[in-house]
Amino acid sequence: MKSRRDQSSGGAATAAPVRPDPVIRIADLTKTYDTGATKVPALRGVSFQIQPGEMVAIVGQSGSGKSTLMNILGCLEVPTAGDYWLDGEYVADLGDGALAKIRNAKIGFVFQSYNLLPRLNALEQVKLPLIYRRARRRSDLAQAALVRVGLGDRMHHTPNRLSGGQQQRVAIARALVTEPEIILADEPTGNLDSSMSLEIMDVISRLNSEQGMTIVLVTHEHEIAARCRRVITLHDGRIASDVRSDAGEC
């Protein structure tokens, strides 16, 4: 007796499309800080998956666990309990040295503060991660990254000659120059006015929609989160909602 798949294909079985493995998978993640006098829970049983090419906003009030979750996703901290796979590798119980190697190989960070060195121009800033890796063709790769964020004509400008939005673009170029598996952006528009915030979100959205980069951003600004097709809301260390929508741009 033929299966429905056999019957619909005239007898020849057709393989179902294979869904890519999640680039991030966390299960029942818990983080508790021991202050000595008391234990403070920051995350309480958080579970979700993020597929390659997704752009996800993580939102919540101050103290909801956003920063702790971002630190764990970025391999800056380890959970107290629970499981975490990054790009198929189990990382929940790795030591500092192993976590540092994974950060350098697979994660690009963008922070609220741009963390630019005042005496280096944009090209030199973006080359820094490549120097640490002893990569070849550093100038070519850094130039290409700056072009990707729309700063091809500002490569030799130092931070004092760049606007806040342009400085954040340099930081984004520095994050993506090593071709990471994922970009983690922690309040990337927090120091910018509304006009520059939109400018930066345009850059981030294009990296996702046109180049397929996986991006997770933490924000307290609902206007920024609304531009994503998936929004995870944290409350008191738990997931309050995980909403997918076609309303976002990315």
Foldseek 3Di string as FASTA:
>chain_A
DDDPQCVVVVRDHDDDDDADDFQKWWFQFWAWDCPPVDIATQAGTETDTHHFLAEEEEAEDPSLNVVVVLCCVLLVDATPDTWMDGRNRTDRDDDPVVSVVLNLQAEFEQEQDLPFDQVAFLQVRLLVSVVVVVHPPSSVLLLVLCVLLPNNVRRRPGPVVDDPLSSSSSSVSSRPSSPHQEYEYEASCVVDDPVSSVSNLVSVLCCSPVVRHHYYYYHHDVVSRQQGQWYFYGGNNYTPDIGGHPRHSD
